[in-house]
Amino acid sequence: LLEYKETFGNCNVPVPYKIKPELGEFVRTHRILYGQKKKGINDLLSDEQMDRLEKVGFCWAVKEAVTEEHRNYNADRETEAREYLEYQIRRALQLKPFSMNF
């Protein structure tokens, strides 16, 4: 998991993860155990295990994490596009009109 985080910058391992299937299964299993613990179904995942995973940035609800990443990415892209458009407008206003006389 730490190697994956070092490579990709997060712990959002896809399931299935073809490169290292056991890592995908580990992540899937721990998310299931977490959900069951929160619902009071079982207590197979200890608080210590949860703390250790959370300290390395493990996300229990990856859908929300990925949605937030996309939202941030889209906001950044929107800002870049707006800044570029403003630049183009400023540049166009600085250009002198050309003459149509030949």
C-alpha atoms as a PDB file:
ATOM      1  CA  LEU A   1       0.000   0.000   0.000  1.00  0.00           C
ATOM      2  CA  LEU A   2       2.834   2.380   0.831  1.00  0.00           C
ATOM      3  CA  GLU A   3       4.517   1.610  -2.492  1.00  0.00           C
ATOM      4  CA  TYR A   4       1.251   2.338  -4.320  1.00  0.00           C
ATOM      5  CA  LYS A   5       0.892   5.632  -2.435  1.00  0.00           C
ATOM      6  CA  GLU A   6       4.456   6.618  -3.268  1.00  0.00           C
ATOM      7  CA  THR A   7       3.805   5.942  -6.955  1.00  0.00           C
ATOM      8  CA  PHE A   8       0.318   7.430  -7.317  1.00  0.00           C
ATOM      9  CA  GLY A   9       0.118   9.919  -4.433  1.00  0.00           C
ATOM     10  CA  ASN A  10      -2.884   8.287  -2.760  1.00  0.00           C
ATOM     11  CA  CYS A  11      -4.158   4.981  -1.373  1.00  0.00           C
ATOM     12  CA  ASN A  12      -7.108   4.699  -3.778  1.00  0.00           C
ATOM     13  CA  VAL A  13      -6.140   1.302  -5.159  1.00  0.00           C
ATOM     14  CA  PRO A  14      -8.566   0.198  -7.874  1.00  0.00           C
ATOM     15  CA  VAL A  15     -10.401  -3.077  -7.433  1.00  0.00           C
ATOM     16  CA  PRO A  16      -9.508  -5.173  -9.273  1.00  0.00           C
ATOM     17  CA  TYR A  17      -5.873  -4.056  -9.474  1.00  0.00           C
ATOM     18  CA  LYS A  18      -4.300  -6.120 -12.242  1.00  0.00           C
ATOM     19  CA  ILE A  19      -0.700  -5.181 -11.427  1.00  0.00           C
ATOM     20  CA  LYS A  20      -0.924  -6.530  -7.885  1.00  0.00           C
ATOM     21  CA  PRO A  21      -4.281  -8.315  -7.372  1.00  0.00           C
ATOM     22  CA  GLU A  22      -3.609  -9.075  -3.706  1.00  0.00           C
ATOM     23  CA  LEU A  23      -3.354  -5.349  -2.968  1.00  0.00           C
ATOM     24  CA  GLY A  24      -6.738  -4.728  -4.580  1.00  0.00           C
ATOM     25  CA  GLU A  25      -8.231  -7.545  -2.515  1.00  0.00           C
ATOM     26  CA  PHE A  26      -6.608  -6.193   0.657  1.00  0.00           C
ATOM     27  CA  VAL A  27      -8.165  -2.781   0.065  1.00  0.00           C
ATOM     28  CA  ARG A  28     -11.581  -4.233  -0.817  1.00  0.00           C
ATOM     29  CA  THR A  29     -11.588  -6.519   2.228  1.00  0.00           C
ATOM     30  CA  HIS A  30     -10.620  -3.742   4.629  1.00  0.00           C
ATOM     31  CA  ARG A  31     -13.278  -1.404   3.270  1.00  0.00           C
ATOM     32  CA  ILE A  32     -15.882  -4.133   3.728  1.00  0.00           C
ATOM     33  CA  LEU A  33     -14.681  -4.839   7.274  1.00  0.00           C
ATOM     34  CA  TYR A  34     -14.784  -1.125   8.051  1.00  0.00           C
ATOM     35  CA  GLY A  35     -18.361  -0.837   6.799  1.00  0.00           C
ATOM     36  CA  GLN A  36     -19.412  -3.868   8.804  1.00  0.00           C
ATOM     37  CA  LYS A  37     -17.745  -2.504  11.918  1.00  0.00           C
ATOM     38  CA  LYS A  38     -19.532   0.835  11.545  1.00  0.00           C
ATOM     39  CA  LYS A  39     -22.863  -1.016  11.226  1.00  0.00           C
ATOM     40  CA  GLY A  40     -22.067  -3.189  14.259  1.00  0.00           C
ATOM     41  CA  ILE A  41     -22.077  -6.412  12.210  1.00  0.00           C
ATOM     42  CA  ASN A  42     -18.598  -7.506  13.278  1.00  0.00           C
ATOM     43  CA  ASP A  43     -15.483  -6.260  15.008  1.00  0.00           C
ATOM     44  CA  LEU A  44     -12.801  -7.985  12.903  1.00  0.00           C
ATOM     45  CA  LEU A  45     -11.051  -4.710  12.114  1.00  0.00           C
ATOM     46  CA  SER A  46      -9.364  -3.302  15.202  1.00  0.00           C
ATOM     47  CA  ASP A  47      -9.169   0.391  16.040  1.00  0.00           C
ATOM     48  CA  GLU A  48      -5.375   0.058  15.852  1.00  0.00           C
ATOM     49  CA  GLN A  49      -5.576  -1.297  12.297  1.00  0.00           C
ATOM     50  CA  MET A  50      -7.917   1.521  11.333  1.00  0.00           C
ATOM     51  CA  ASP A  51      -5.576   4.122  12.834  1.00  0.00           C
ATOM     52  CA  ARG A  52      -2.550   2.680  11.036  1.00  0.00           C
ATOM     53  CA  LEU A  53      -4.345   2.724   7.695  1.00  0.00           C
ATOM     54  CA  GLU A  54      -5.698   6.238   8.232  1.00  0.00           C
ATOM     55  CA  LYS A  55      -2.217   7.526   9.152  1.00  0.00           C
ATOM     56  CA  VAL A  56      -0.908   6.534   5.713  1.00  0.00           C
ATOM     57  CA  GLY A  57      -3.904   8.183   4.031  1.00  0.00           C
ATOM     58  CA  PHE A  58      -6.186   5.202   3.485  1.00  0.00           C
ATOM     59  CA  CYS A  59      -9.641   6.329   2.415  1.00  0.00           C
ATOM     60  CA  TRP A  60     -12.566   4.226   3.576  1.00  0.00           C
ATOM     61  CA  ALA A  61     -15.002   5.768   1.109  1.00  0.00           C
ATOM     62  CA  VAL A  62     -12.972   6.026  -2.069  1.00  0.00           C
ATOM     63  CA  LYS A  63     -15.913   7.178  -4.190  1.00  0.00           C
ATOM     64  CA  GLU A  64     -16.134  10.427  -2.222  1.00  0.00           C
ATOM     65  CA  ALA A  65     -12.342  10.884  -2.359  1.00  0.00           C
ATOM     66  CA  VAL A  66     -12.212  10.392  -6.108  1.00  0.00           C
ATOM     67  CA  THR A  67     -15.184  12.717  -6.607  1.00  0.00           C
ATOM     68  CA  GLU A  68     -13.394  15.400  -4.572  1.00  0.00           C
ATOM     69  CA  GLU A  69     -10.204  14.925  -6.621  1.00  0.00           C
ATOM     70  CA  HIS A  70     -12.185  15.328  -9.849  1.00  0.00           C
ATOM     71  CA  ARG A  71     -13.977  18.377  -8.479  1.00  0.00           C
ATOM     72  CA  ASN A  72     -10.625  19.986  -7.593  1.00  0.00           C
ATOM     73  CA  TYR A  73      -9.148  19.049 -10.971  1.00  0.00           C
ATOM     74  CA  ASN A  74     -12.120  20.497 -12.846  1.00  0.00           C
ATOM     75  CA  ALA A  75     -11.992  23.689 -10.785  1.00  0.00           C
ATOM     76  CA  ASP A  76      -8.287  24.059 -11.584  1.00  0.00           C
ATOM     77  CA  ARG A  77      -8.921  23.511 -15.307  1.00  0.00           C
ATOM     78  CA  GLU A  78     -11.773  26.019 -15.259  1.00  0.00           C
ATOM     79  CA  THR A  79      -9.538  28.617 -13.598  1.00  0.00           C
ATOM     80  CA  GLU A  80      -6.773  28.007 -16.144  1.00  0.00           C
ATOM     81  CA  ALA A  81      -9.221  28.384 -19.040  1.00  0.00           C
ATOM     82  CA  ARG A  82     -10.649  31.609 -17.609  1.00  0.00           C
ATOM     83  CA  GLU A  83      -7.140  33.053 -17.069  1.00  0.00           C
ATOM     84  CA  TYR A  84      -6.129  32.145 -20.616  1.00  0.00           C
ATOM     85  CA  LEU A  85      -9.267  33.747 -22.056  1.00  0.00           C
ATOM     86  CA  GLU A  86      -8.619  36.926 -20.064  1.00  0.00           C
ATOM     87  CA  TYR A  87      -5.042  36.960 -21.342  1.00  0.00           C
ATOM     88  CA  GLN A  88      -6.236  36.599 -24.943  1.00  0.00           C
ATOM     89  CA  ILE A  89      -8.727  39.449 -24.496  1.00  0.00           C
ATOM     90  CA  ARG A  90      -6.085  41.750 -22.970  1.00  0.00           C
ATOM     91  CA  ARG A  91      -3.696  40.870 -25.782  1.00  0.00           C
ATOM     92  CA  ALA A  92      -6.318  41.518 -28.465  1.00  0.00           C
ATOM     93  CA  LEU A  93      -7.159  44.905 -26.952  1.00  0.00           C
ATOM     94  CA  GLN A  94      -3.500  45.925 -27.069  1.00  0.00           C
ATOM     95  CA  LEU A  95      -3.127  45.160 -30.788  1.00  0.00           C
ATOM     96  CA  LYS A  96      -3.528  48.048 -33.157  1.00  0.00           C
ATOM     97  CA  PRO A  97      -6.263  47.668 -35.727  1.00  0.00           C
ATOM     98  CA  PHE A  98      -4.882  46.822 -39.123  1.00  0.00           C
ATOM     99  CA  SER A  99      -5.618  48.864 -42.189  1.00  0.00           C
ATOM    100  CA  MET A 100      -7.848  47.524 -44.912  1.00  0.00           C
ATOM    101  CA  ASN A 101      -6.242  49.907 -47.452  1.00  0.00           C
ATOM    102  CA  PHE A 102      -4.099  48.098 -50.011  1.00  0.00           C
END
